[in-house]
Amino acid sequence: MSAAYGLAGVVLVVVATVLIGVLGVRISRTTSDFYVASRTVTPLRNASAIGGEYLSAASFLGIAGLILAYGADMLWLPVGWTGGYLVLLVLVSAPLRRSGAYTLPDFAEARLESMAVRRVASVLVVLISWLYLLPQFQSAGLVLRTVTGAPVWAGGVLIAVVVAVNVLVGGMRSVTLVQAFQYWMKLTALAVPLVFLLLAWRYDGAPGLSSDVPPRFDDRTTVSVGLAVTVNVTAPVQVVVDGRVDGRDHRSDPMVLAAGEHRIEADTDVTFPAGADVPHVRGSPVSTDRQWMLPLDGRDHSLYGTYSLILATFLGTMGLPHVLVRFYTNPDGRAARRTTVMVLSLLGAFYLLPALYGMLGRLYTPELLMTGRADAVVLTLPGRLIGGLGGDLLGALVTGGAVAAFLSTSSGITVSVAGVLAQDILRGGVRSFRAGTLLALVVPLALAITARSLAVADVVGLAFAVAASTFCPLLVLGVWWRRLTVPGAFAGLVAGGLLAGTAVIVTIAAGPPGGLAGALLAEPAAWTVPIAFTVMIVVSWCTPGRVPPGVARMMVRLHTPESLDVDRGTWRPRRV
């Protein structure tokens, strides 16, 4: 794709986002406007906005990349991310709206009447949100580098600046308008190019994935390695190298890559002969097409990983702060339920598309398995299959959709973090919200620039695991079990947060070790979620005298329909 067309796609989306966001200046004046849009957002607009912020870089780029690399096992990601809203609909969406709180820490204090629980919830909101923002900024750098050759840090800085402008000028009202627009932008950006890609695939004879050999280069192919990687070569192959391999400089020199691992430095071109097996980046499984199409095949402890992934995605959705804050913007509990049903439809329509990109990438862009940039498959396919002006235009559209994904998700997360920081640390109104916005963006941006690059969907999956291990037990038990006590909630949040957080730190900092221990750390939800629930329940049973005195009134408030005359004024936190 031409850099000019890619840059044009980025600029158009950024300009449209800023213009729509500036509209929020005229209608955002009060604290309620900034936090929850004065609770006046209609179900369709709210569902579109939820779809806009929920469909992050992991959905737009990451799913296709993981399917390209790992195959059928990764189809559980879109299924789980959609099914999580069904769990949210059944268990917490309407009661959460009826609580009258602004944020998750507000709900925690309102239900348990404890500042200690509120403080733990506030810390977890910030940490989960920063973990979610990290891959958004890293993916923005990948996209901008792919289409323009800019430094990796430039994409994250661009996204952070645009998000700051939108949130600072209009708060939740502004963000809602932007995210609703960006959902339909992302859907269009994937669906329209996919129509042409499938037509090109059909014109090519509709090749399938049925061979018993790993991916191979059909023709003589030059692979440009933008970032340094370590690859695994399965059989000796003679290549031509322009750059640095295994610590030695080459200037278009022929060399033999022996079987085993090789270090390829940044900005190196490697030319492979036709029929050569595609080297895979270290850690990525080498599988035949048949293995790639079969679930639970090709990875160690894949059965455990699959079930843990399902648990994290189904239960983690209800614990994501930037998702839950949107339900506070509905007028009432009935509107919250209608919003959730619409979200299920919008997500279901979107998630049909990335799997097809992953399949086409396996056929036409196998070199991405070598560069470690499988997330770029959505950006690469239009130029590879269509080419020419049509490929450039479709590539620009996909690039714009990717930028919309970063902006919408980052905006939602920033609003949720800024709300918590403004209430619990800065202790102020709109001015504190704006200061919290800057703090919410600076920390994850710095981490994105300095941390090692990771698969975007993997990092988001870890954020889901932490959310499922902390806020899911708090919400489910807080809404449905009146015997939940302050020590029980506190202990469960701390236990789930420490266990899942430790797994995340190890995985991000150094990568999980091999064997069962590595599987347990890379997919921790299967053991951290049951532990968190168990700790919360057992400690509550052991401290029956610490049930909040106002629990009966709160349970009536959570479960009584709005049609009945019950006091539902906005709950205000105590300051102790």
Protein backbone atom coordinates (compact mmCIF):
# COMPACT_ATOMS: atom_id res chain seq x y z
CA MET A 1 0.00 0.00 0.00
CA SER A 2 1.25 3.46 -0.88
CA ALA A 3 2.29 5.48 2.16
CA ALA A 4 0.34 8.48 0.86
CA TYR A 5 -2.95 6.54 0.78
CA GLY A 6 -2.35 5.02 4.20
CA LEU A 7 -1.53 8.41 5.68
CA ALA A 8 -4.67 9.86 4.08
CA GLY A 9 -6.77 7.19 5.78
CA VAL A 10 -5.21 8.02 9.14
CA VAL A 11 -5.71 11.77 8.70
CA LEU A 12 -9.36 11.50 7.61
CA VAL A 13 -10.33 9.37 10.60
CA VAL A 14 -8.46 11.59 13.03
CA VAL A 15 -10.07 14.75 11.63
CA ALA A 16 -13.55 13.21 11.69
CA THR A 17 -13.01 12.04 15.26
CA VAL A 18 -11.89 15.46 16.46
CA LEU A 19 -14.76 17.28 14.70
CA ILE A 20 -17.40 14.95 16.17
CA GLY A 21 -15.79 15.15 19.58
CA VAL A 22 -15.73 18.95 19.54
CA LEU A 23 -19.53 18.88 19.22
CA GLY A 24 -19.55 17.68 22.82
CA VAL A 25 -18.29 21.09 23.95
CA ARG A 26 -21.71 22.66 23.32
CA ILE A 27 -23.62 20.12 25.37
CA SER A 28 -21.20 19.08 28.14
CA ARG A 29 -21.29 21.47 31.05
CA THR A 30 -22.02 19.57 34.27
CA THR A 31 -20.14 16.84 36.13
CA SER A 32 -22.90 14.40 35.16
CA ASP A 33 -22.34 15.27 31.48
CA PHE A 34 -18.65 14.44 31.75
CA TYR A 35 -19.05 11.21 33.73
CA VAL A 36 -22.25 9.59 32.39
CA ALA A 37 -23.72 11.95 29.74
CA SER A 38 -26.47 12.87 32.26
CA ARG A 39 -27.90 9.32 31.81
CA THR A 40 -29.79 10.24 28.63
CA VAL A 41 -28.15 8.03 25.97
CA THR A 42 -30.62 5.96 23.92
CA PRO A 43 -30.15 2.16 23.63
CA LEU A 44 -29.17 2.16 19.93
CA ARG A 45 -26.64 4.96 20.31
CA ASN A 46 -25.27 3.43 23.49
CA ALA A 47 -25.03 -0.01 21.85
CA SER A 48 -23.14 1.51 18.92
CA ALA A 49 -20.84 3.34 21.34
CA ILE A 50 -20.24 0.15 23.34
CA GLY A 51 -19.45 -1.68 20.13
CA GLY A 52 -17.12 1.15 19.17
CA GLU A 53 -15.10 1.03 22.39
CA TYR A 54 -15.28 -2.75 22.90
CA LEU A 55 -14.00 -3.60 19.40
CA SER A 56 -10.44 -2.64 20.14
CA ALA A 57 -7.17 -3.33 18.36
CA ALA A 58 -7.49 -6.90 19.63
CA SER A 59 -10.73 -7.31 17.70
CA PHE A 60 -9.80 -5.37 14.56
CA LEU A 61 -6.24 -6.68 14.15
CA GLY A 62 -5.47 -9.20 16.86
CA ILE A 63 -8.08 -11.89 16.19
CA ALA A 64 -7.12 -12.20 12.52
CA GLY A 65 -3.45 -12.35 13.50
CA LEU A 66 -3.97 -15.05 16.11
CA ILE A 67 -6.12 -17.11 13.76
CA LEU A 68 -3.38 -16.81 11.14
CA ALA A 69 -0.80 -18.06 13.64
CA TYR A 70 -2.76 -20.56 15.75
CA GLY A 71 -5.80 -21.58 13.75
CA ALA A 72 -9.19 -22.78 14.93
CA ASP A 73 -8.42 -22.54 18.65
CA MET A 74 -8.52 -18.75 18.45
CA LEU A 75 -12.13 -18.71 17.24
CA TRP A 76 -13.04 -18.89 20.92
CA LEU A 77 -11.91 -15.28 21.32
CA PRO A 78 -14.73 -13.67 19.29
CA VAL A 79 -17.21 -16.21 20.67
CA GLY A 80 -16.19 -15.43 24.25
CA TRP A 81 -16.05 -11.67 23.76
CA THR A 82 -19.58 -11.74 22.35
CA GLY A 83 -20.93 -14.28 24.84
CA GLY A 84 -19.61 -12.18 27.70
CA TYR A 85 -22.38 -9.69 27.00
CA LEU A 86 -24.97 -12.44 27.38
CA VAL A 87 -23.62 -13.13 30.88
CA LEU A 88 -23.62 -9.39 31.53
CA LEU A 89 -27.24 -9.15 30.34
CA VAL A 90 -28.46 -11.97 32.56
CA LEU A 91 -26.58 -11.13 35.75
CA VAL A 92 -25.70 -7.48 36.21
CA SER A 93 -26.64 -4.94 33.51
CA ALA A 94 -30.02 -3.74 34.88
CA PRO A 95 -29.12 -3.92 38.63
CA LEU A 96 -25.91 -2.06 37.94
CA ARG A 97 -27.80 0.78 36.26
CA ARG A 98 -30.29 0.91 39.15
CA SER A 99 -27.47 1.31 41.67
CA GLY A 100 -27.17 4.99 40.74
CA ALA A 101 -23.37 4.97 40.91
CA TYR A 102 -20.97 6.60 38.45
CA THR A 103 -18.11 4.10 38.51
CA LEU A 104 -17.21 0.61 39.72
CA PRO A 105 -15.64 1.96 42.92
CA ASP A 106 -18.88 3.89 43.51
CA PHE A 107 -20.83 0.63 43.25
CA ALA A 108 -18.39 -1.16 45.54
CA GLU A 109 -18.79 1.48 48.25
CA ALA A 110 -22.55 1.79 47.82
CA ARG A 111 -23.07 -1.96 48.16
CA LEU A 112 -20.57 -2.62 50.96
CA GLU A 113 -20.41 0.78 52.69
CA SER A 114 -16.63 0.53 52.93
CA MET A 115 -13.93 2.96 51.84
CA ALA A 116 -11.34 0.16 52.01
CA VAL A 117 -13.16 -1.88 49.37
CA ARG A 118 -13.60 1.26 47.31
CA ARG A 119 -9.87 1.98 47.35
CA VAL A 120 -9.00 -1.55 46.22
CA ALA A 121 -11.60 -1.30 43.45
CA SER A 122 -10.13 2.04 42.36
CA VAL A 123 -6.62 0.60 42.11
CA LEU A 124 -7.90 -2.36 40.09
CA VAL A 125 -9.83 -0.11 37.70
CA VAL A 126 -6.69 1.87 36.95
CA LEU A 127 -4.45 -1.20 36.55
CA ILE A 128 -6.90 -3.10 34.31
CA SER A 129 -7.46 -0.03 32.18
CA TRP A 130 -3.74 0.65 31.78
CA LEU A 131 -3.21 -2.98 30.82
CA TYR A 132 -5.92 -2.57 28.19
CA LEU A 133 -4.46 0.69 26.88
CA LEU A 134 -0.93 -0.71 26.47
CA PRO A 135 -1.68 -2.85 23.35
CA GLN A 136 -3.80 -0.06 21.84
CA PHE A 137 -0.78 2.25 21.75
CA GLN A 138 1.58 -0.50 20.61
CA SER A 139 -0.77 -1.49 17.78
CA ALA A 140 -1.12 2.13 16.72
CA GLY A 141 2.65 2.21 16.36
CA LEU A 142 2.54 -0.97 14.27
CA VAL A 143 -0.10 0.47 11.93
CA LEU A 144 1.60 3.80 11.42
CA ARG A 145 4.95 2.10 10.82
CA THR A 146 3.36 -0.33 8.33
CA VAL A 147 1.70 2.36 6.23
CA THR A 148 4.18 5.24 6.52
CA GLY A 149 7.45 3.88 7.95
CA ALA A 150 7.20 6.24 10.95
CA PRO A 151 8.90 5.30 14.24
CA VAL A 152 6.95 2.81 16.37
CA TRP A 153 6.36 5.35 19.16
CA ALA A 154 4.72 7.88 16.81
CA GLY A 155 1.44 5.97 16.47
CA GLY A 156 0.91 5.75 20.22
CA VAL A 157 1.63 9.46 20.68
CA LEU A 158 -0.83 10.38 17.91
CA ILE A 159 -3.63 8.29 19.44
CA ALA A 160 -2.96 9.66 22.93
CA VAL A 161 -3.14 13.28 21.71
CA VAL A 162 -6.41 12.79 19.80
CA VAL A 163 -8.02 10.92 22.70
CA ALA A 164 -6.94 13.64 25.13
CA VAL A 165 -8.56 16.31 22.96
CA ASN A 166 -11.86 14.44 22.71
CA VAL A 167 -12.14 13.57 26.36
CA LEU A 168 -10.97 16.94 27.64
CA VAL A 169 -13.42 18.97 25.58
CA GLY A 170 -16.58 16.93 26.04
CA GLY A 171 -16.28 14.06 28.51
CA MET A 172 -18.72 11.16 28.16
CA ARG A 173 -21.12 13.00 25.84
CA SER A 174 -18.36 13.71 23.37
CA VAL A 175 -16.93 10.19 23.66
CA THR A 176 -20.35 8.61 23.08
CA LEU A 177 -20.81 10.42 19.77
CA VAL A 178 -17.28 9.52 18.66
CA GLN A 179 -17.57 5.85 19.60
CA ALA A 180 -20.95 5.39 17.92
CA PHE A 181 -19.47 6.76 14.69
CA GLN A 182 -16.38 4.61 15.03
CA TYR A 183 -18.28 1.33 15.39
CA TRP A 184 -19.87 1.78 11.97
CA MET A 185 -16.56 3.01 10.59
CA LYS A 186 -14.83 -0.18 11.77
CA LEU A 187 -17.56 -2.44 10.45
CA THR A 188 -17.38 -0.75 7.04
CA ALA A 189 -13.57 -0.82 7.03
CA LEU A 190 -13.54 -4.61 7.42
CA ALA A 191 -16.64 -5.57 5.43
CA VAL A 192 -16.06 -3.60 2.21
CA PRO A 193 -12.47 -4.77 1.56
CA LEU A 194 -13.43 -8.31 2.50
CA VAL A 195 -15.97 -8.43 -0.34
CA PHE A 196 -13.21 -7.63 -2.85
CA LEU A 197 -10.74 -9.98 -1.16
CA LEU A 198 -13.18 -12.89 -1.42
CA LEU A 199 -13.83 -12.07 -5.08
CA ALA A 200 -10.06 -12.06 -5.72
CA TRP A 201 -9.72 -15.37 -3.84
CA ARG A 202 -12.51 -16.83 -5.96
CA TYR A 203 -10.87 -15.55 -9.15
CA ASP A 204 -7.64 -17.23 -8.02
CA GLY A 205 -9.40 -20.58 -8.01
CA ALA A 206 -10.55 -20.51 -4.39
CA PRO A 207 -7.53 -22.43 -3.02
CA GLY A 208 -8.20 -24.22 0.25
CA LEU A 209 -6.27 -25.25 3.32
CA SER A 210 -5.99 -29.02 3.09
CA SER A 211 -2.30 -29.85 2.73
CA ASP A 212 -0.20 -31.87 5.14
CA VAL A 213 2.78 -29.51 5.01
CA PRO A 214 3.51 -26.25 6.88
CA PRO A 215 3.14 -22.91 5.05
CA ARG A 216 5.55 -22.47 2.13
CA PHE A 217 6.56 -19.66 -0.20
CA ASP A 218 4.87 -20.35 -3.54
CA ASP A 219 7.26 -18.04 -5.38
CA ARG A 220 10.66 -16.49 -4.77
CA THR A 221 9.86 -14.07 -1.94
CA THR A 222 11.70 -11.24 -0.20
CA VAL A 223 10.65 -10.76 3.42
CA SER A 224 11.40 -7.39 5.04
CA VAL A 225 11.92 -7.68 8.79
CA GLY A 226 11.08 -4.34 10.38
CA LEU A 227 11.72 -5.29 14.02
CA ALA A 228 14.33 -7.74 15.29
CA VAL A 229 13.00 -11.30 15.68
CA THR A 230 14.24 -14.79 16.46
CA VAL A 231 12.88 -17.37 14.03
CA ASN A 232 12.84 -21.14 13.92
CA VAL A 233 13.95 -22.74 10.62
CA THR A 234 12.69 -26.32 10.21
CA ALA A 235 14.98 -27.36 7.31
CA PRO A 236 18.21 -25.91 5.85
CA VAL A 237 17.52 -23.32 3.15
CA GLN A 238 19.75 -21.09 1.02
CA VAL A 239 18.69 -17.45 1.13
CA VAL A 240 19.96 -14.03 0.12
CA VAL A 241 20.38 -11.60 3.00
CA ASP A 242 20.65 -7.82 2.98
CA GLY A 243 21.10 -6.83 6.60
CA ARG A 244 22.24 -8.58 9.78
CA VAL A 245 21.58 -12.23 10.69
CA ASP A 246 23.06 -14.08 13.68
CA GLY A 247 25.31 -11.14 14.47
CA ARG A 248 26.88 -10.90 11.01
CA ASP A 249 26.38 -8.20 8.38
CA HIS A 250 25.40 -9.21 4.82
CA ARG A 251 25.02 -7.10 1.72
CA SER A 252 22.87 -9.14 -0.67
CA ASP A 253 25.01 -12.17 0.16
CA PRO A 254 23.83 -15.78 -0.23
CA MET A 255 23.93 -17.87 2.94
CA VAL A 256 22.46 -21.09 4.26
CA LEU A 257 20.09 -20.90 7.22
CA ALA A 258 20.62 -24.19 9.06
CA ALA A 259 17.77 -25.87 10.91
CA GLY A 260 17.26 -24.22 14.30
CA GLU A 261 16.91 -20.70 15.68
CA HIS A 262 18.32 -17.60 13.99
CA ARG A 263 18.35 -13.96 15.06
CA ILE A 264 17.33 -11.50 12.35
CA GLU A 265 17.94 -7.86 13.19
CA ALA A 266 15.69 -4.93 12.33
CA ASP A 267 15.57 -3.57 8.75
CA THR A 268 16.87 -6.80 7.20
CA ASP A 269 15.65 -8.27 3.90
CA VAL A 270 15.75 -12.05 3.44
CA THR A 271 14.95 -13.59 0.04
CA PHE A 272 13.67 -17.18 0.03
CA PRO A 273 13.46 -19.53 -2.96
CA ALA A 274 10.12 -20.87 -4.18
CA GLY A 275 8.94 -23.89 -2.20
CA ALA A 276 10.89 -23.05 0.97
CA ASP A 277 9.15 -23.57 4.30
CA VAL A 278 8.19 -20.32 6.02
CA PRO A 279 10.26 -19.83 9.20
CA HIS A 280 8.11 -19.10 12.24
CA VAL A 281 8.88 -16.55 14.92
CA ARG A 282 10.01 -18.22 18.12
CA GLY A 283 7.04 -19.33 20.21
CA SER A 284 4.65 -19.61 17.29
CA PRO A 285 3.61 -23.22 16.50
CA VAL A 286 4.61 -24.79 13.19
CA SER A 287 1.55 -26.64 11.95
CA THR A 288 0.24 -28.13 8.73
CA ASP A 289 -2.94 -26.79 7.19
CA ARG A 290 -4.92 -29.76 8.54
CA GLN A 291 -3.56 -29.20 12.06
CA TRP A 292 -4.25 -25.48 11.75
CA MET A 293 -7.92 -26.18 10.98
CA LEU A 294 -8.43 -28.58 13.89
CA PRO A 295 -9.05 -27.27 17.42
CA LEU A 296 -6.96 -28.43 20.38
CA ASP A 297 -4.07 -29.41 18.13
CA GLY A 298 -0.53 -28.14 17.92
CA ARG A 299 -0.07 -26.48 21.33
CA ASP A 300 0.97 -27.84 24.70
CA HIS A 301 -1.89 -28.01 27.21
CA SER A 302 -4.29 -26.64 24.59
CA LEU A 303 -7.35 -28.10 26.34
CA TYR A 304 -6.56 -26.21 29.54
CA GLY A 305 -5.76 -23.04 27.58
CA THR A 306 -9.06 -23.21 25.71
CA TYR A 307 -11.20 -23.62 28.81
CA SER A 308 -9.29 -20.89 30.63
CA LEU A 309 -9.72 -18.57 27.65
CA ILE A 310 -13.47 -19.26 27.59
CA LEU A 311 -13.77 -18.52 31.30
CA ALA A 312 -11.78 -15.29 31.02
CA THR A 313 -13.73 -13.92 28.07
CA PHE A 314 -17.20 -14.91 29.28
CA LEU A 315 -16.69 -13.57 32.81
CA GLY A 316 -14.15 -10.83 32.16
CA THR A 317 -16.52 -8.64 30.14
CA MET A 318 -18.56 -7.73 33.20
CA GLY A 319 -15.40 -6.65 35.00
CA LEU A 320 -14.07 -4.25 32.37
CA PRO A 321 -14.40 -0.70 33.76
CA HIS A 322 -14.79 1.00 30.39
CA VAL A 323 -17.64 -1.37 29.47
CA LEU A 324 -19.56 -1.05 32.72
CA VAL A 325 -19.39 2.73 32.84
CA ARG A 326 -21.47 2.88 29.67
CA PHE A 327 -24.44 1.23 31.41
CA TYR A 328 -24.56 4.16 33.82
CA THR A 329 -25.42 6.39 30.85
CA ASN A 330 -28.75 4.63 30.19
CA PRO A 331 -31.93 6.29 31.48
CA ASP A 332 -33.04 3.16 33.39
CA GLY A 333 -32.54 -0.60 33.84
CA ARG A 334 -34.88 -1.52 31.00
CA ALA A 335 -32.85 0.63 28.60
CA ALA A 336 -29.68 -1.05 29.91
CA ARG A 337 -31.08 -4.49 29.03
CA ARG A 338 -32.17 -3.33 25.58
CA THR A 339 -28.72 -1.86 25.04
CA THR A 340 -27.09 -5.20 25.89
CA VAL A 341 -29.30 -7.11 23.44
CA MET A 342 -28.39 -4.67 20.67
CA VAL A 343 -24.71 -4.98 21.55
CA LEU A 344 -24.91 -8.75 21.07
CA SER A 345 -26.26 -8.22 17.55
CA LEU A 346 -23.66 -5.61 16.62
CA LEU A 347 -20.75 -7.67 17.95
CA GLY A 348 -22.01 -10.84 16.27
CA ALA A 349 -22.08 -9.07 12.91
CA PHE A 350 -18.56 -7.70 13.34
CA TYR A 351 -16.88 -10.88 14.57
CA LEU A 352 -17.82 -12.82 11.45
CA LEU A 353 -15.17 -10.87 9.55
CA PRO A 354 -11.75 -11.26 11.27
CA ALA A 355 -11.80 -15.06 10.95
CA LEU A 356 -11.98 -14.74 7.16
CA TYR A 357 -9.02 -12.35 7.16
CA GLY A 358 -7.04 -14.90 9.18
CA MET A 359 -7.85 -17.67 6.70
CA LEU A 360 -6.90 -15.56 3.69
CA GLY A 361 -3.71 -14.50 5.46
CA ARG A 362 -2.71 -18.14 5.88
CA LEU A 363 -2.96 -18.51 2.12
CA TYR A 364 -1.50 -15.24 0.86
CA THR A 365 0.66 -13.64 3.57
CA PRO A 366 2.46 -16.53 5.33
CA GLU A 367 5.61 -14.41 5.72
CA LEU A 368 3.91 -12.61 8.59
CA LEU A 369 4.48 -15.79 10.61
CA MET A 370 8.18 -15.07 10.25
CA THR A 371 8.23 -11.35 11.00
CA GLY A 372 6.21 -11.68 14.21
CA ARG A 373 3.70 -9.16 12.86
CA ALA A 374 0.72 -11.42 12.28
CA ASP A 375 -1.48 -8.58 13.61
CA ALA A 376 -0.73 -6.75 10.34
CA VAL A 377 -2.55 -9.32 8.19
CA VAL A 378 -5.66 -7.13 7.90
CA LEU A 379 -3.52 -4.24 6.65
CA THR A 380 -1.45 -6.36 4.26
CA LEU A 381 -4.08 -8.39 2.40
CA PRO A 382 -5.66 -5.64 0.22
CA GLY A 383 -2.33 -4.75 -1.37
CA ARG A 384 -1.39 -8.42 -1.78
CA LEU A 385 -4.61 -9.68 -3.40
CA ILE A 386 -5.96 -6.58 -5.15
CA GLY A 387 -2.93 -4.40 -5.84
CA GLY A 388 -2.86 -1.19 -7.84
CA LEU A 389 -5.11 1.76 -7.08
CA GLY A 390 -7.90 -0.50 -5.80
CA GLY A 391 -5.56 -2.14 -3.31
CA ASP A 392 -4.30 1.26 -2.15
CA LEU A 393 -7.82 2.58 -1.59
CA LEU A 394 -8.96 -0.53 0.25
CA GLY A 395 -5.77 -0.49 2.29
CA ALA A 396 -6.44 3.14 3.25
CA LEU A 397 -9.96 2.18 4.34
CA VAL A 398 -8.67 -0.68 6.50
CA THR A 399 -6.01 1.60 7.98
CA GLY A 400 -8.66 4.16 8.87
CA GLY A 401 -10.71 1.43 10.55
CA ALA A 402 -7.71 0.35 12.59
CA VAL A 403 -7.12 3.91 13.75
CA ALA A 404 -10.81 4.17 14.67
CA ALA A 405 -10.39 1.01 16.76
CA PHE A 406 -7.51 2.51 18.72
CA LEU A 407 -9.28 5.83 19.22
CA SER A 408 -12.65 4.48 20.32
CA THR A 409 -11.32 1.94 22.81
CA SER A 410 -8.71 4.31 24.19
CA SER A 411 -11.36 7.00 24.64
CA GLY A 412 -13.64 4.71 26.64
CA ILE A 413 -10.85 3.45 28.86
CA THR A 414 -9.56 6.97 29.43
CA VAL A 415 -12.99 8.16 30.56
CA SER A 416 -13.29 5.32 33.06
CA VAL A 417 -9.79 5.87 34.50
CA ALA A 418 -10.19 9.65 34.58
CA GLY A 419 -13.46 9.28 36.49
CA VAL A 420 -11.83 7.12 39.14
CA LEU A 421 -8.77 9.34 39.46
CA ALA A 422 -10.92 12.47 39.69
CA GLN A 423 -13.14 11.07 42.43
CA ASP A 424 -10.70 9.04 44.51
CA ILE A 425 -7.38 10.85 44.15
CA LEU A 426 -7.88 14.40 42.88
CA ARG A 427 -11.21 14.84 44.70
CA GLY A 428 -12.79 17.39 42.40
CA GLY A 429 -15.20 18.04 39.55
CA VAL A 430 -14.68 18.73 35.87
CA ARG A 431 -11.20 20.22 36.39
CA SER A 432 -10.05 17.12 38.26
CA PHE A 433 -11.58 14.93 35.54
CA ARG A 434 -9.45 16.69 32.95
CA ALA A 435 -6.29 16.31 35.03
CA GLY A 436 -7.13 12.63 35.50
CA THR A 437 -7.46 12.28 31.73
CA LEU A 438 -3.85 13.32 31.17
CA LEU A 439 -2.61 10.99 33.90
CA ALA A 440 -4.67 8.13 32.49
CA LEU A 441 -2.91 8.45 29.14
CA VAL A 442 0.69 9.27 30.07
CA VAL A 443 1.47 6.10 32.07
CA PRO A 444 0.34 3.46 29.52
CA LEU A 445 1.87 5.49 26.68
CA ALA A 446 5.24 5.40 28.43
CA LEU A 447 4.87 1.65 29.02
CA ALA A 448 3.93 1.07 25.38
CA ILE A 449 7.06 2.87 24.21
CA THR A 450 9.42 1.03 26.58
CA ALA A 451 7.84 -2.46 26.93
CA ARG A 452 8.57 -5.33 24.59
CA SER A 453 6.09 -5.81 21.77
CA LEU A 454 3.40 -8.43 22.38
CA ALA A 455 0.50 -9.87 20.40
CA VAL A 456 -2.31 -7.39 21.00
CA ALA A 457 -5.02 -10.00 21.59
CA ASP A 458 -2.81 -11.82 24.09
CA VAL A 459 -2.41 -8.70 26.25
CA VAL A 460 -6.13 -7.90 26.06
CA GLY A 461 -6.83 -11.52 27.03
CA LEU A 462 -4.72 -11.00 30.15
CA ALA A 463 -6.75 -7.89 30.99
CA PHE A 464 -9.91 -10.00 30.73
CA ALA A 465 -8.38 -12.57 33.07
CA VAL A 466 -7.65 -9.90 35.71
CA ALA A 467 -11.15 -8.44 35.35
CA ALA A 468 -12.75 -11.89 35.63
CA SER A 469 -10.70 -12.61 38.77
CA THR A 470 -11.65 -9.41 40.59
CA PHE A 471 -14.74 -7.49 39.55
CA CYS A 472 -16.72 -10.48 38.31
CA PRO A 473 -16.96 -12.05 41.81
CA LEU A 474 -17.65 -8.65 43.35
CA LEU A 475 -20.48 -7.85 40.96
CA VAL A 476 -22.12 -11.28 40.90
CA LEU A 477 -22.02 -11.75 44.66
CA GLY A 478 -22.71 -8.08 45.35
CA VAL A 479 -25.84 -8.11 43.21
CA TRP A 480 -27.21 -11.55 44.11
CA TRP A 481 -25.89 -12.54 47.55
CA ARG A 482 -26.91 -10.39 50.49
CA ARG A 483 -24.49 -12.16 52.87
CA LEU A 484 -21.39 -10.73 51.18
CA THR A 485 -19.35 -8.96 53.85
CA VAL A 486 -16.74 -6.21 53.75
CA PRO A 487 -13.82 -8.52 54.71
CA GLY A 488 -15.02 -11.11 52.16
CA ALA A 489 -15.16 -8.63 49.30
CA PHE A 490 -11.82 -7.10 50.28
CA ALA A 491 -10.07 -10.47 50.56
CA GLY A 492 -11.50 -11.74 47.28
CA LEU A 493 -10.47 -8.62 45.36
CA VAL A 494 -6.96 -8.72 46.78
CA ALA A 495 -6.52 -12.47 46.21
CA GLY A 496 -7.80 -12.41 42.64
CA GLY A 497 -5.89 -9.23 41.82
CA LEU A 498 -2.57 -10.46 43.21
CA LEU A 499 -2.76 -13.90 41.60
CA ALA A 500 -3.90 -12.75 38.17
CA GLY A 501 -1.67 -9.67 38.32
CA THR A 502 1.41 -11.76 39.08
CA ALA A 503 0.67 -13.99 36.09
CA VAL A 504 0.30 -10.90 33.89
CA ILE A 505 3.57 -9.34 35.08
CA VAL A 506 5.53 -12.55 34.46
CA THR A 507 3.98 -13.05 31.02
CA ILE A 508 4.57 -9.48 29.85
CA ALA A 509 8.01 -8.99 31.39
CA ALA A 510 9.73 -12.21 30.36
CA GLY A 511 7.19 -14.48 28.72
CA PRO A 512 5.76 -17.57 30.42
CA PRO A 513 8.06 -20.58 30.96
CA GLY A 514 7.47 -23.83 29.13
CA GLY A 515 5.23 -26.71 30.13
CA LEU A 516 2.23 -26.62 32.43
CA ALA A 517 3.59 -23.69 34.46
CA GLY A 518 3.73 -21.58 31.32
CA ALA A 519 0.16 -22.49 30.38
CA LEU A 520 -1.06 -21.60 33.88
CA LEU A 521 0.61 -18.18 33.70
CA ALA A 522 -0.37 -17.37 30.10
CA GLU A 523 -4.05 -18.28 30.73
CA PRO A 524 -4.60 -17.78 34.48
CA ALA A 525 -8.39 -17.38 34.62
CA ALA A 526 -9.15 -21.10 35.07
CA TRP A 527 -7.56 -21.07 38.52
CA THR A 528 -7.65 -17.41 39.60
CA VAL A 529 -11.41 -16.94 39.12
CA PRO A 530 -12.46 -19.95 41.28
CA ILE A 531 -9.97 -18.89 43.95
CA ALA A 532 -11.34 -15.34 44.02
CA PHE A 533 -14.94 -16.57 44.31
CA THR A 534 -13.98 -19.08 47.01
CA VAL A 535 -12.05 -16.56 49.08
CA MET A 536 -14.88 -14.02 48.87
CA ILE A 537 -17.50 -16.57 49.93
CA VAL A 538 -15.50 -18.33 52.67
CA VAL A 539 -14.33 -15.10 54.32
CA SER A 540 -17.91 -13.77 54.20
CA TRP A 541 -19.16 -16.93 55.93
CA CYS A 542 -16.49 -16.48 58.60
CA THR A 543 -17.43 -12.83 59.23
CA PRO A 544 -21.27 -12.80 59.38
CA GLY A 545 -21.25 -9.77 61.65
CA ARG A 546 -19.67 -7.57 58.94
CA VAL A 547 -22.64 -7.59 56.55
CA PRO A 548 -23.32 -3.92 55.69
CA PRO A 549 -26.25 -2.54 57.73
CA GLY A 550 -27.93 -1.04 54.66
CA VAL A 551 -27.82 -4.22 52.56
CA ALA A 552 -31.62 -4.74 52.61
CA ARG A 553 -32.29 -1.29 51.19
CA MET A 554 -29.57 -1.67 48.55
CA MET A 555 -30.84 -5.09 47.41
CA VAL A 556 -34.35 -3.64 46.99
CA ARG A 557 -32.88 -0.81 44.96
CA LEU A 558 -30.89 -3.17 42.73
CA HIS A 559 -33.77 -5.52 41.97
CA THR A 560 -36.90 -3.36 41.98
CA PRO A 561 -38.13 -2.25 38.52
CA GLU A 562 -38.09 1.47 37.87
CA SER A 563 -41.86 1.46 37.34
CA LEU A 564 -42.28 1.15 41.11
CA ASP A 565 -41.86 4.21 43.28
CA VAL A 566 -38.41 3.68 44.78
CA ASP A 567 -35.93 6.42 45.61
CA ARG A 568 -33.27 6.30 42.87
CA GLY A 569 -31.38 9.52 43.29
CA THR A 570 -27.75 9.42 42.26
CA TRP A 571 -25.74 7.80 45.00
CA ARG A 572 -23.01 9.98 46.47
CA PRO A 573 -19.92 8.36 48.05
CA ARG A 574 -19.06 9.03 51.67
CA ARG A 575 -15.73 10.73 52.31
CA VAL A 576 -14.14 9.29 55.44
